[in-house]
């Protein structure tokens, strides 16, 4: 599925003048990335038993308190935080990464294994556009899904209720409810 441009990286007027100034949207996003990185770096060095300290940092990171009975084991990484929506009883194990600028929603009872990665942003494949735009789409994970260790979910996928994503799987397409997916998906789709 081709991803639509979400944001211009460089200001078009500056590019016309042969300069490379970042667009206002890209600058705002990059400032949020720096803030999220600061917060996660502080979170990831707290003593494990410091529940109050973790709760305070998660609230700053997400812009709201964690829902009841959500468990997140650090280290935890996000590049934005404000567009990560977690329902009750979500469990996120150690070392997970959520690149959530385009939005990620985890339904109730979702379990995420260690080192899983959720990526909502990308760049165009075309080399001439690659440095001009960011593309992306939200990730939707419905209720009671289990995502195995080291799985990678790519922009725009929807995971159906009760599905299981096997460890190490790369999810580039929607997953039907009550199904198991496994394995890498890397295949040559086109060449230039």
C-alpha atoms as a PDB file:
ATOM      1  CA  UNK A   1       0.000   0.000   0.000  1.00  0.00           C
ATOM      2  CA  UNK A   2       1.564   3.343  -0.998  1.00  0.00           C
ATOM      3  CA  UNK A   3       1.699   5.782   1.882  1.00  0.00           C
ATOM      4  CA  UNK A   4       0.466   9.338   1.467  1.00  0.00           C
ATOM      5  CA  UNK A   5       2.726  12.273   2.283  1.00  0.00           C
ATOM      6  CA  UNK A   6       1.962  13.519   5.804  1.00  0.00           C
ATOM      7  CA  UNK A   7       4.483  16.271   6.090  1.00  0.00           C
ATOM      8  CA  UNK A   8       6.914  18.215   3.990  1.00  0.00           C
ATOM      9  CA  UNK A   9      10.379  18.120   5.550  1.00  0.00           C
ATOM     10  CA  UNK A  10      11.741  21.233   3.860  1.00  0.00           C
ATOM     11  CA  UNK A  11      10.005  24.529   3.257  1.00  0.00           C
ATOM     12  CA  UNK A  12       9.130  24.681  -0.494  1.00  0.00           C
ATOM     13  CA  UNK A  13      10.028  28.372  -0.806  1.00  0.00           C
ATOM     14  CA  UNK A  14      13.492  27.799   0.640  1.00  0.00           C
ATOM     15  CA  UNK A  15      14.041  24.848  -1.710  1.00  0.00           C
ATOM     16  CA  UNK A  16      13.125  27.069  -4.674  1.00  0.00           C
ATOM     17  CA  UNK A  17      15.887  29.444  -3.556  1.00  0.00           C
ATOM     18  CA  UNK A  18      18.351  26.555  -3.324  1.00  0.00           C
ATOM     19  CA  UNK A  19      18.262  26.545   0.493  1.00  0.00           C
ATOM     20  CA  UNK A  20      17.132  23.798   2.822  1.00  0.00           C
ATOM     21  CA  UNK A  21      15.055  25.227   5.635  1.00  0.00           C
ATOM     22  CA  UNK A  22      12.848  22.836   7.542  1.00  0.00           C
ATOM     23  CA  UNK A  23       9.087  23.293   7.263  1.00  0.00           C
ATOM     24  CA  UNK A  24       7.256  24.590  10.361  1.00  0.00           C
ATOM     25  CA  UNK A  25       5.487  21.219  10.756  1.00  0.00           C
ATOM     26  CA  UNK A  26       8.766  19.325  10.640  1.00  0.00           C
ATOM     27  CA  UNK A  27      10.348  21.714  13.154  1.00  0.00           C
ATOM     28  CA  UNK A  28       7.419  21.237  15.560  1.00  0.00           C
ATOM     29  CA  UNK A  29       7.659  17.459  15.213  1.00  0.00           C
ATOM     30  CA  UNK A  30      11.424  17.458  15.746  1.00  0.00           C
ATOM     31  CA  UNK A  31      11.012  19.546  18.911  1.00  0.00           C
ATOM     32  CA  UNK A  32       8.527  16.969  20.224  1.00  0.00           C
ATOM     33  CA  UNK A  33      10.970  14.167  19.341  1.00  0.00           C
ATOM     34  CA  UNK A  34      13.628  15.879  21.452  1.00  0.00           C
ATOM     35  CA  UNK A  35      11.194  16.258  24.370  1.00  0.00           C
ATOM     36  CA  UNK A  36      10.049  12.610  24.120  1.00  0.00           C
ATOM     37  CA  UNK A  37      13.686  11.486  23.986  1.00  0.00           C
ATOM     38  CA  UNK A  38      14.468  13.514  27.095  1.00  0.00           C
ATOM     39  CA  UNK A  39      11.511  11.994  28.974  1.00  0.00           C
ATOM     40  CA  UNK A  40      12.229   8.401  27.922  1.00  0.00           C
ATOM     41  CA  UNK A  41      15.910   8.753  28.797  1.00  0.00           C
ATOM     42  CA  UNK A  42      14.889   9.813  32.327  1.00  0.00           C
ATOM     43  CA  UNK A  43      12.267   7.052  32.535  1.00  0.00           C
ATOM     44  CA  UNK A  44      14.706   4.356  31.480  1.00  0.00           C
ATOM     45  CA  UNK A  45      17.164   5.045  34.325  1.00  0.00           C
ATOM     46  CA  UNK A  46      14.656   5.156  37.185  1.00  0.00           C
ATOM     47  CA  UNK A  47      14.791   2.352  39.753  1.00  0.00           C
ATOM     48  CA  UNK A  48      12.257  -0.295  38.726  1.00  0.00           C
ATOM     49  CA  UNK A  49      10.340   0.055  42.001  1.00  0.00           C
ATOM     50  CA  UNK A  50       9.861   3.852  41.584  1.00  0.00           C
ATOM     51  CA  UNK A  51       6.205   3.599  40.539  1.00  0.00           C
ATOM     52  CA  UNK A  52       5.423   7.260  41.316  1.00  0.00           C
ATOM     53  CA  UNK A  53       8.393   8.485  39.263  1.00  0.00           C
ATOM     54  CA  UNK A  54       7.449   6.267  36.306  1.00  0.00           C
ATOM     55  CA  UNK A  55       3.796   7.357  36.485  1.00  0.00           C
ATOM     56  CA  UNK A  56       4.795  11.035  36.462  1.00  0.00           C
ATOM     57  CA  UNK A  57       7.078  10.606  33.453  1.00  0.00           C
ATOM     58  CA  UNK A  58       4.488   8.543  31.539  1.00  0.00           C
ATOM     59  CA  UNK A  59       1.918  11.274  32.183  1.00  0.00           C
ATOM     60  CA  UNK A  60       4.273  13.892  30.741  1.00  0.00           C
ATOM     61  CA  UNK A  61       5.130  11.635  27.816  1.00  0.00           C
ATOM     62  CA  UNK A  62       1.521  10.753  26.907  1.00  0.00           C
ATOM     63  CA  UNK A  63      -0.094  14.027  28.003  1.00  0.00           C
ATOM     64  CA  UNK A  64      -2.442  12.110  30.333  1.00  0.00           C
ATOM     65  CA  UNK A  65      -2.172   9.458  33.055  1.00  0.00           C
ATOM     66  CA  UNK A  66      -1.841   5.821  32.047  1.00  0.00           C
ATOM     67  CA  UNK A  67      -5.166   3.968  31.998  1.00  0.00           C
ATOM     68  CA  UNK A  68      -5.863   1.603  34.881  1.00  0.00           C
ATOM     69  CA  UNK A  69      -4.030  -1.693  34.879  1.00  0.00           C
ATOM     70  CA  UNK A  70      -1.648  -0.742  32.051  1.00  0.00           C
ATOM     71  CA  UNK A  71       1.835  -2.146  32.559  1.00  0.00           C
ATOM     72  CA  UNK A  72       4.904  -0.844  30.734  1.00  0.00           C
ATOM     73  CA  UNK A  73       8.321  -2.266  31.604  1.00  0.00           C
ATOM     74  CA  UNK A  74      11.243   0.036  30.803  1.00  0.00           C
ATOM     75  CA  UNK A  75      13.300   0.493  28.830  1.00  0.00           C
ATOM     76  CA  UNK A  76      10.561   2.071  26.711  1.00  0.00           C
ATOM     77  CA  UNK A  77      11.037   4.234  23.626  1.00  0.00           C
ATOM     78  CA  UNK A  78       8.768   6.595  21.709  1.00  0.00           C
ATOM     79  CA  UNK A  79       9.484   9.473  19.368  1.00  0.00           C
ATOM     80  CA  UNK A  80       6.288  11.390  20.118  1.00  0.00           C
ATOM     81  CA  UNK A  81       4.137   9.834  22.857  1.00  0.00           C
ATOM     82  CA  UNK A  82       1.126  12.102  22.458  1.00  0.00           C
ATOM     83  CA  UNK A  83      -0.376   9.910  19.723  1.00  0.00           C
ATOM     84  CA  UNK A  84      -0.053   6.570  21.500  1.00  0.00           C
ATOM     85  CA  UNK A  85      -3.437   5.420  22.813  1.00  0.00           C
ATOM     86  CA  UNK A  86      -3.471   2.548  25.304  1.00  0.00           C
ATOM     87  CA  UNK A  87      -6.668   0.869  26.525  1.00  0.00           C
ATOM     88  CA  UNK A  88      -6.987  -0.876  29.895  1.00  0.00           C
ATOM     89  CA  UNK A  89      -5.031  -4.049  30.641  1.00  0.00           C
ATOM     90  CA  UNK A  90      -2.373  -3.391  27.978  1.00  0.00           C
ATOM     91  CA  UNK A  91       0.977  -5.011  28.798  1.00  0.00           C
ATOM     92  CA  UNK A  92       4.179  -3.765  27.135  1.00  0.00           C
ATOM     93  CA  UNK A  93       7.374  -5.676  27.886  1.00  0.00           C
ATOM     94  CA  UNK A  94      10.948  -4.346  27.937  1.00  0.00           C
ATOM     95  CA  UNK A  95      12.713  -2.635  25.070  1.00  0.00           C
ATOM     96  CA  UNK A  96       9.703  -1.772  22.891  1.00  0.00           C
ATOM     97  CA  UNK A  97       9.707   1.160  20.458  1.00  0.00           C
ATOM     98  CA  UNK A  98       6.636   3.150  19.392  1.00  0.00           C
ATOM     99  CA  UNK A  99       7.170   5.670  16.575  1.00  0.00           C
ATOM    100  CA  UNK A 100       3.682   7.085  16.976  1.00  0.00           C
ATOM    101  CA  UNK A 101       3.554  10.393  15.087  1.00  0.00           C
ATOM    102  CA  UNK A 102       0.788   9.091  12.759  1.00  0.00           C
ATOM    103  CA  UNK A 103      -1.008   7.398  15.677  1.00  0.00           C
ATOM    104  CA  UNK A 104      -0.985   4.005  17.398  1.00  0.00           C
ATOM    105  CA  UNK A 105      -3.946   2.498  19.235  1.00  0.00           C
ATOM    106  CA  UNK A 106      -3.667  -0.660  21.365  1.00  0.00           C
ATOM    107  CA  UNK A 107      -7.022  -2.144  22.379  1.00  0.00           C
ATOM    108  CA  UNK A 108      -7.901  -3.645  25.755  1.00  0.00           C
ATOM    109  CA  UNK A 109      -5.899  -6.669  26.825  1.00  0.00           C
ATOM    110  CA  UNK A 110      -3.158  -6.337  24.179  1.00  0.00           C
ATOM    111  CA  UNK A 111       0.145  -7.975  25.158  1.00  0.00           C
ATOM    112  CA  UNK A 112       3.391  -6.790  23.540  1.00  0.00           C
ATOM    113  CA  UNK A 113       6.552  -8.908  23.788  1.00  0.00           C
ATOM    114  CA  UNK A 114      10.051  -7.518  24.366  1.00  0.00           C
ATOM    115  CA  UNK A 115      11.695  -5.445  21.645  1.00  0.00           C
ATOM    116  CA  UNK A 116       8.587  -5.154  19.481  1.00  0.00           C
ATOM    117  CA  UNK A 117       8.610  -2.123  17.185  1.00  0.00           C
ATOM    118  CA  UNK A 118       5.667  -0.076  15.923  1.00  0.00           C
ATOM    119  CA  UNK A 119       6.499   2.317  13.061  1.00  0.00           C
ATOM    120  CA  UNK A 120       3.910   4.776  11.717  1.00  0.00           C
ATOM    121  CA  UNK A 121       6.241   7.013   9.684  1.00  0.00           C
ATOM    122  CA  UNK A 122       8.410   6.444   6.635  1.00  0.00           C
ATOM    123  CA  UNK A 123       9.797   8.203   3.575  1.00  0.00           C
ATOM    124  CA  UNK A 124       8.762   7.904  -0.089  1.00  0.00           C
ATOM    125  CA  UNK A 125      10.577   5.181  -2.025  1.00  0.00           C
ATOM    126  CA  UNK A 126      11.384   7.546  -4.912  1.00  0.00           C
ATOM    127  CA  UNK A 127      14.942   8.884  -4.333  1.00  0.00           C
ATOM    128  CA  UNK A 128      13.968  12.356  -5.556  1.00  0.00           C
ATOM    129  CA  UNK A 129      11.224  12.646  -2.917  1.00  0.00           C
ATOM    130  CA  UNK A 130      12.863  10.701  -0.099  1.00  0.00           C
ATOM    131  CA  UNK A 131      14.324  13.753   1.645  1.00  0.00           C
ATOM    132  CA  UNK A 132      11.356  16.002   0.891  1.00  0.00           C
ATOM    133  CA  UNK A 133       8.473  14.255   2.674  1.00  0.00           C
ATOM    134  CA  UNK A 134       7.554  12.042   5.566  1.00  0.00           C
ATOM    135  CA  UNK A 135       4.813   9.548   4.837  1.00  0.00           C
ATOM    136  CA  UNK A 136       2.840   7.421   7.216  1.00  0.00           C
ATOM    137  CA  UNK A 137      -0.368   5.946   8.478  1.00  0.00           C
ATOM    138  CA  UNK A 138      -1.741   4.909  11.899  1.00  0.00           C
ATOM    139  CA  UNK A 139      -1.469   1.433  13.391  1.00  0.00           C
ATOM    140  CA  UNK A 140      -4.608  -0.092  14.947  1.00  0.00           C
ATOM    141  CA  UNK A 141      -4.368  -3.145  17.214  1.00  0.00           C
ATOM    142  CA  UNK A 142      -7.746  -4.475  18.334  1.00  0.00           C
ATOM    143  CA  UNK A 143      -8.568  -6.158  21.649  1.00  0.00           C
ATOM    144  CA  UNK A 144      -6.790  -9.202  23.076  1.00  0.00           C
ATOM    145  CA  UNK A 145      -3.963  -9.328  20.502  1.00  0.00           C
ATOM    146  CA  UNK A 146      -0.611 -10.901  21.399  1.00  0.00           C
ATOM    147  CA  UNK A 147       2.443  -9.438  19.661  1.00  0.00           C
ATOM    148  CA  UNK A 148       5.534 -11.603  20.014  1.00  0.00           C
ATOM    149  CA  UNK A 149       9.088 -10.559  20.859  1.00  0.00           C
ATOM    150  CA  UNK A 150      10.907  -8.607  18.180  1.00  0.00           C
ATOM    151  CA  UNK A 151       7.881  -8.242  15.897  1.00  0.00           C
ATOM    152  CA  UNK A 152       7.738  -5.156  13.680  1.00  0.00           C
ATOM    153  CA  UNK A 153       4.466  -3.482  12.690  1.00  0.00           C
ATOM    154  CA  UNK A 154       4.688  -1.111   9.728  1.00  0.00           C
ATOM    155  CA  UNK A 155       2.624   1.997   8.901  1.00  0.00           C
ATOM    156  CA  UNK A 156      -1.070   1.566   8.259  1.00  0.00           C
ATOM    157  CA  UNK A 157      -1.608  -1.998   9.477  1.00  0.00           C
ATOM    158  CA  UNK A 158      -4.673  -3.121  11.376  1.00  0.00           C
ATOM    159  CA  UNK A 159      -4.463  -6.194  13.598  1.00  0.00           C
ATOM    160  CA  UNK A 160      -7.801  -7.935  14.211  1.00  0.00           C
ATOM    161  CA  UNK A 161      -9.134  -8.992  17.598  1.00  0.00           C
ATOM    162  CA  UNK A 162      -7.551 -12.093  19.214  1.00  0.00           C
ATOM    163  CA  UNK A 163      -4.797 -12.323  16.549  1.00  0.00           C
ATOM    164  CA  UNK A 164      -1.265 -13.488  17.358  1.00  0.00           C
ATOM    165  CA  UNK A 165       1.824 -11.970  15.745  1.00  0.00           C
ATOM    166  CA  UNK A 166       4.688 -14.459  16.084  1.00  0.00           C
ATOM    167  CA  UNK A 167       8.087 -13.419  17.398  1.00  0.00           C
ATOM    168  CA  UNK A 168      10.187 -11.698  14.752  1.00  0.00           C
ATOM    169  CA  UNK A 169       7.337 -11.271  12.271  1.00  0.00           C
ATOM    170  CA  UNK A 170       7.289  -8.212  10.020  1.00  0.00           C
ATOM    171  CA  UNK A 171       3.696  -7.068   9.581  1.00  0.00           C
ATOM    172  CA  UNK A 172       3.199  -5.024   6.412  1.00  0.00           C
ATOM    173  CA  UNK A 173      -0.444  -5.957   5.730  1.00  0.00           C
ATOM    174  CA  UNK A 174      -3.619  -6.135   7.805  1.00  0.00           C
ATOM    175  CA  UNK A 175      -4.041  -9.242   9.967  1.00  0.00           C
ATOM    176  CA  UNK A 176      -7.504 -10.815  10.216  1.00  0.00           C
ATOM    177  CA  UNK A 177      -9.095 -11.432  13.605  1.00  0.00           C
ATOM    178  CA  UNK A 178      -8.339 -14.714  15.383  1.00  0.00           C
ATOM    179  CA  UNK A 179      -5.363 -15.595  13.190  1.00  0.00           C
ATOM    180  CA  UNK A 180      -1.641 -16.284  13.573  1.00  0.00           C
ATOM    181  CA  UNK A 181       0.952 -14.606  11.357  1.00  0.00           C
ATOM    182  CA  UNK A 182       4.644 -15.428  11.289  1.00  0.00           C
ATOM    183  CA  UNK A 183       7.821 -14.858   9.301  1.00  0.00           C
ATOM    184  CA  UNK A 184       9.643 -12.129   7.454  1.00  0.00           C
ATOM    185  CA  UNK A 185       8.012 -10.502   4.477  1.00  0.00           C
ATOM    186  CA  UNK A 186      10.952  -8.879   2.695  1.00  0.00           C
ATOM    187  CA  UNK A 187      10.577  -9.544  -1.028  1.00  0.00           C
ATOM    188  CA  UNK A 188      11.608  -7.520  -4.085  1.00  0.00           C
ATOM    189  CA  UNK A 189       8.592  -5.496  -5.183  1.00  0.00           C
ATOM    190  CA  UNK A 190      10.208  -3.240  -7.721  1.00  0.00           C
ATOM    191  CA  UNK A 191      13.633  -2.123  -8.923  1.00  0.00           C
ATOM    192  CA  UNK A 192      15.016   1.068 -10.365  1.00  0.00           C
END
